[in-house]
C-alpha cells in the first residue's frame, strides 16, 4: 500500500491569524509558478501556523521572505505516497507502531480517483521511518 517514502522539507510559517492570509500566500506562490504539494495549518491564539510542502522550497521561502513573512523556518519531514484506498493509513501507522516510532505531526492530501494519496509526517525518528516504509 505504501508506494514511496522519502525525507523532505516543509516550510513552517507563523503569521498573524487573519482572514485571507492563506489566500495571500497561495497567490504569491502561484504567481511565482510554485506548486503547493501539501498544506496544513491551525490557529493558535492570535497566530496561525501554516505548514507547506512545495515543489521548490528554496524559491518558495525566498518569495515568502521577500513578501514580509519573517517568521519562517524549514523542518524535516517524511513524504509518503500511498495507494488511495481503504486501509492505507492503517498500514502506514501499523508499520510505525511495529517499529516503536512516534508520530509527532501528520497531514495529507488525496483525490477522488485512483491517484496516490500524499501523507506528510514528522516522527520521533524520520530516517528510521523512511527505511521502515521502504521495506
C-alpha atoms as a PDB file:
ATOM      1  CA  UNK A   1       0.000   0.000   0.000  1.00  0.00           C
ATOM      2  CA  UNK A   2       2.961   2.313   0.565  1.00  0.00           C
ATOM      3  CA  UNK A   3       4.226   3.314  -2.855  1.00  0.00           C
ATOM      4  CA  UNK A   4       7.122   5.591  -1.930  1.00  0.00           C
ATOM      5  CA  UNK A   5       8.661   7.304   1.101  1.00  0.00           C
ATOM      6  CA  UNK A   6      11.399   9.909   1.314  1.00  0.00           C
ATOM      7  CA  UNK A   7      12.681  12.674   3.523  1.00  0.00           C
ATOM      8  CA  UNK A   8      11.503  16.140   2.573  1.00  0.00           C
ATOM      9  CA  UNK A   9      11.424  19.637   3.986  1.00  0.00           C
ATOM     10  CA  UNK A  10       8.318  21.517   4.961  1.00  0.00           C
ATOM     11  CA  UNK A  11       8.127  25.269   5.303  1.00  0.00           C
ATOM     12  CA  UNK A  12       6.574  26.377   8.587  1.00  0.00           C
ATOM     13  CA  UNK A  13       5.295  29.947   8.629  1.00  0.00           C
ATOM     14  CA  UNK A  14       3.912  31.704  11.704  1.00  0.00           C
ATOM     15  CA  UNK A  15       1.655  34.630  10.854  1.00  0.00           C
ATOM     16  CA  UNK A  16      -0.941  36.814  12.497  1.00  0.00           C
ATOM     17  CA  UNK A  17      -4.220  34.922  12.270  1.00  0.00           C
ATOM     18  CA  UNK A  18      -6.403  36.953   9.954  1.00  0.00           C
ATOM     19  CA  UNK A  19      -8.866  36.246   7.195  1.00  0.00           C
ATOM     20  CA  UNK A  20      -7.168  35.857   3.815  1.00  0.00           C
ATOM     21  CA  UNK A  21      -3.603  35.147   4.928  1.00  0.00           C
ATOM     22  CA  UNK A  22      -3.513  31.679   3.351  1.00  0.00           C
ATOM     23  CA  UNK A  23      -5.119  33.070   0.204  1.00  0.00           C
ATOM     24  CA  UNK A  24      -2.378  35.693   0.016  1.00  0.00           C
ATOM     25  CA  UNK A  25       0.338  33.073   0.448  1.00  0.00           C
ATOM     26  CA  UNK A  26      -1.210  30.756  -2.144  1.00  0.00           C
ATOM     27  CA  UNK A  27      -1.482  33.608  -4.644  1.00  0.00           C
ATOM     28  CA  UNK A  28       2.122  34.638  -4.044  1.00  0.00           C
ATOM     29  CA  UNK A  29       3.429  31.124  -4.625  1.00  0.00           C
ATOM     30  CA  UNK A  30       1.202  30.570  -7.667  1.00  0.00           C
ATOM     31  CA  UNK A  31       2.376  33.860  -9.156  1.00  0.00           C
ATOM     32  CA  UNK A  32       5.947  32.529  -8.844  1.00  0.00           C
ATOM     33  CA  UNK A  33       4.983  29.244 -10.535  1.00  0.00           C
ATOM     34  CA  UNK A  34       5.470  27.242  -7.322  1.00  0.00           C
ATOM     35  CA  UNK A  35       3.155  24.285  -6.724  1.00  0.00           C
ATOM     36  CA  UNK A  36       1.925  23.554  -3.203  1.00  0.00           C
ATOM     37  CA  UNK A  37       2.023  19.772  -2.865  1.00  0.00           C
ATOM     38  CA  UNK A  38       0.621  19.644   0.684  1.00  0.00           C
ATOM     39  CA  UNK A  39      -0.666  22.199   3.167  1.00  0.00           C
ATOM     40  CA  UNK A  40      -1.881  22.183   6.758  1.00  0.00           C
ATOM     41  CA  UNK A  41      -2.481  24.872   9.299  1.00  0.00           C
ATOM     42  CA  UNK A  42      -4.110  25.804  12.539  1.00  0.00           C
ATOM     43  CA  UNK A  43      -4.876  28.876  14.618  1.00  0.00           C
ATOM     44  CA  UNK A  44      -3.155  29.314  17.965  1.00  0.00           C
ATOM     45  CA  UNK A  45      -4.172  32.363  19.982  1.00  0.00           C
ATOM     46  CA  UNK A  46      -3.661  35.362  17.648  1.00  0.00           C
ATOM     47  CA  UNK A  47      -1.309  33.464  15.346  1.00  0.00           C
ATOM     48  CA  UNK A  48      -1.676  30.880  12.637  1.00  0.00           C
ATOM     49  CA  UNK A  49       0.865  28.163  11.915  1.00  0.00           C
ATOM     50  CA  UNK A  50       0.951  27.120   8.249  1.00  0.00           C
ATOM     51  CA  UNK A  51       2.944  24.134   7.006  1.00  0.00           C
ATOM     52  CA  UNK A  52       3.700  23.835   3.287  1.00  0.00           C
ATOM     53  CA  UNK A  53       5.465  21.289   1.131  1.00  0.00           C
ATOM     54  CA  UNK A  54       6.149  22.707  -2.318  1.00  0.00           C
ATOM     55  CA  UNK A  55       7.856  21.598  -5.491  1.00  0.00           C
ATOM     56  CA  UNK A  56      10.557  24.232  -4.852  1.00  0.00           C
ATOM     57  CA  UNK A  57      11.006  25.158  -1.190  1.00  0.00           C
ATOM     58  CA  UNK A  58      14.047  27.336  -1.853  1.00  0.00           C
ATOM     59  CA  UNK A  59      12.148  29.634  -4.213  1.00  0.00           C
ATOM     60  CA  UNK A  60       9.018  29.442  -2.048  1.00  0.00           C
ATOM     61  CA  UNK A  61      10.866  30.501   1.108  1.00  0.00           C
ATOM     62  CA  UNK A  62      12.632  33.284  -0.786  1.00  0.00           C
ATOM     63  CA  UNK A  63       9.347  34.612  -2.209  1.00  0.00           C
ATOM     64  CA  UNK A  64       7.624  34.460   1.187  1.00  0.00           C
ATOM     65  CA  UNK A  65      10.511  36.256   2.928  1.00  0.00           C
ATOM     66  CA  UNK A  66      10.596  38.981   0.263  1.00  0.00           C
ATOM     67  CA  UNK A  67       6.848  39.483   0.777  1.00  0.00           C
ATOM     68  CA  UNK A  68       7.406  40.054   4.515  1.00  0.00           C
ATOM     69  CA  UNK A  69       6.756  36.623   6.022  1.00  0.00           C
ATOM     70  CA  UNK A  70       9.634  36.800   8.501  1.00  0.00           C
ATOM     71  CA  UNK A  71       8.727  34.013  10.928  1.00  0.00           C
ATOM     72  CA  UNK A  72       9.593  31.172   8.592  1.00  0.00           C
ATOM     73  CA  UNK A  73      11.632  28.012   9.049  1.00  0.00           C
ATOM     74  CA  UNK A  74      12.223  24.732   7.274  1.00  0.00           C
ATOM     75  CA  UNK A  75      11.729  21.481   9.105  1.00  0.00           C
ATOM     76  CA  UNK A  76      12.496  17.905   8.094  1.00  0.00           C
ATOM     77  CA  UNK A  77       9.518  15.658   7.425  1.00  0.00           C
ATOM     78  CA  UNK A  78       8.683  12.402   5.670  1.00  0.00           C
ATOM     79  CA  UNK A  79       6.669  12.428   2.447  1.00  0.00           C
ATOM     80  CA  UNK A  80       4.811   9.180   1.791  1.00  0.00           C
ATOM     81  CA  UNK A  81       2.872   8.253  -1.316  1.00  0.00           C
ATOM     82  CA  UNK A  82       0.092   5.766  -0.526  1.00  0.00           C
ATOM     83  CA  UNK A  83      -2.429   3.874  -2.566  1.00  0.00           C
ATOM     84  CA  UNK A  84      -5.658   5.807  -2.218  1.00  0.00           C
ATOM     85  CA  UNK A  85      -7.783   3.009  -0.788  1.00  0.00           C
ATOM     86  CA  UNK A  86      -9.230   1.728   2.440  1.00  0.00           C
ATOM     87  CA  UNK A  87      -6.601   0.524   4.891  1.00  0.00           C
ATOM     88  CA  UNK A  88      -3.652   2.501   3.513  1.00  0.00           C
ATOM     89  CA  UNK A  89      -3.295   4.711   6.587  1.00  0.00           C
ATOM     90  CA  UNK A  90      -3.729   1.637   8.784  1.00  0.00           C
ATOM     91  CA  UNK A  91      -0.759   0.010   7.027  1.00  0.00           C
ATOM     92  CA  UNK A  92       1.378   3.140   7.404  1.00  0.00           C
ATOM     93  CA  UNK A  93       0.617   3.673  11.091  1.00  0.00           C
ATOM     94  CA  UNK A  94       0.927  -0.057  11.792  1.00  0.00           C
ATOM     95  CA  UNK A  95       4.492  -0.092  10.463  1.00  0.00           C
ATOM     96  CA  UNK A  96       5.359   2.825  12.733  1.00  0.00           C
ATOM     97  CA  UNK A  97       3.785   1.084  15.721  1.00  0.00           C
ATOM     98  CA  UNK A  98       5.673  -2.162  14.998  1.00  0.00           C
ATOM     99  CA  UNK A  99       8.947  -0.214  14.960  1.00  0.00           C
ATOM    100  CA  UNK A 100       8.228   1.936  18.029  1.00  0.00           C
ATOM    101  CA  UNK A 101       8.209   5.194  16.033  1.00  0.00           C
ATOM    102  CA  UNK A 102       6.055   8.006  17.401  1.00  0.00           C
ATOM    103  CA  UNK A 103       4.126  10.335  15.057  1.00  0.00           C
ATOM    104  CA  UNK A 104       4.569  13.937  16.176  1.00  0.00           C
ATOM    105  CA  UNK A 105       2.666  15.543  13.276  1.00  0.00           C
ATOM    106  CA  UNK A 106       0.678  14.302  10.269  1.00  0.00           C
ATOM    107  CA  UNK A 107      -1.373  15.723   7.416  1.00  0.00           C
ATOM    108  CA  UNK A 108      -2.230  14.633   3.922  1.00  0.00           C
ATOM    109  CA  UNK A 109      -3.868  15.118   0.574  1.00  0.00           C
ATOM    110  CA  UNK A 110      -5.929  12.772  -1.574  1.00  0.00           C
ATOM    111  CA  UNK A 111      -8.103  12.799  -4.650  1.00  0.00           C
ATOM    112  CA  UNK A 112     -11.359  11.060  -5.514  1.00  0.00           C
ATOM    113  CA  UNK A 113      -9.877   8.970  -8.321  1.00  0.00           C
ATOM    114  CA  UNK A 114      -7.253   6.269  -8.001  1.00  0.00           C
ATOM    115  CA  UNK A 115      -4.296   8.663  -7.839  1.00  0.00           C
ATOM    116  CA  UNK A 116      -1.991   8.257  -4.820  1.00  0.00           C
ATOM    117  CA  UNK A 117      -2.600   9.963  -1.505  1.00  0.00           C
ATOM    118  CA  UNK A 118       0.271  12.005  -0.079  1.00  0.00           C
ATOM    119  CA  UNK A 119       0.969  11.961   3.650  1.00  0.00           C
ATOM    120  CA  UNK A 120       3.407  14.367   5.297  1.00  0.00           C
ATOM    121  CA  UNK A 121       4.524  13.372   8.761  1.00  0.00           C
ATOM    122  CA  UNK A 122       7.146  14.048  11.354  1.00  0.00           C
ATOM    123  CA  UNK A 123       8.182  11.271  13.685  1.00  0.00           C
ATOM    124  CA  UNK A 124      10.470  10.535  16.581  1.00  0.00           C
ATOM    125  CA  UNK A 125      12.919   9.111  14.010  1.00  0.00           C
ATOM    126  CA  UNK A 126      12.321  10.260  10.418  1.00  0.00           C
ATOM    127  CA  UNK A 127      15.316   8.383   8.978  1.00  0.00           C
ATOM    128  CA  UNK A 128      14.153   5.091  10.501  1.00  0.00           C
ATOM    129  CA  UNK A 129      10.584   5.732   9.330  1.00  0.00           C
ATOM    130  CA  UNK A 130      11.726   6.083   5.718  1.00  0.00           C
ATOM    131  CA  UNK A 131      13.658   2.796   5.952  1.00  0.00           C
ATOM    132  CA  UNK A 132      10.655   1.047   7.517  1.00  0.00           C
ATOM    133  CA  UNK A 133       8.333   2.335   4.782  1.00  0.00           C
ATOM    134  CA  UNK A 134      10.670   1.167   2.027  1.00  0.00           C
ATOM    135  CA  UNK A 135      10.601  -2.474   3.216  1.00  0.00           C
END
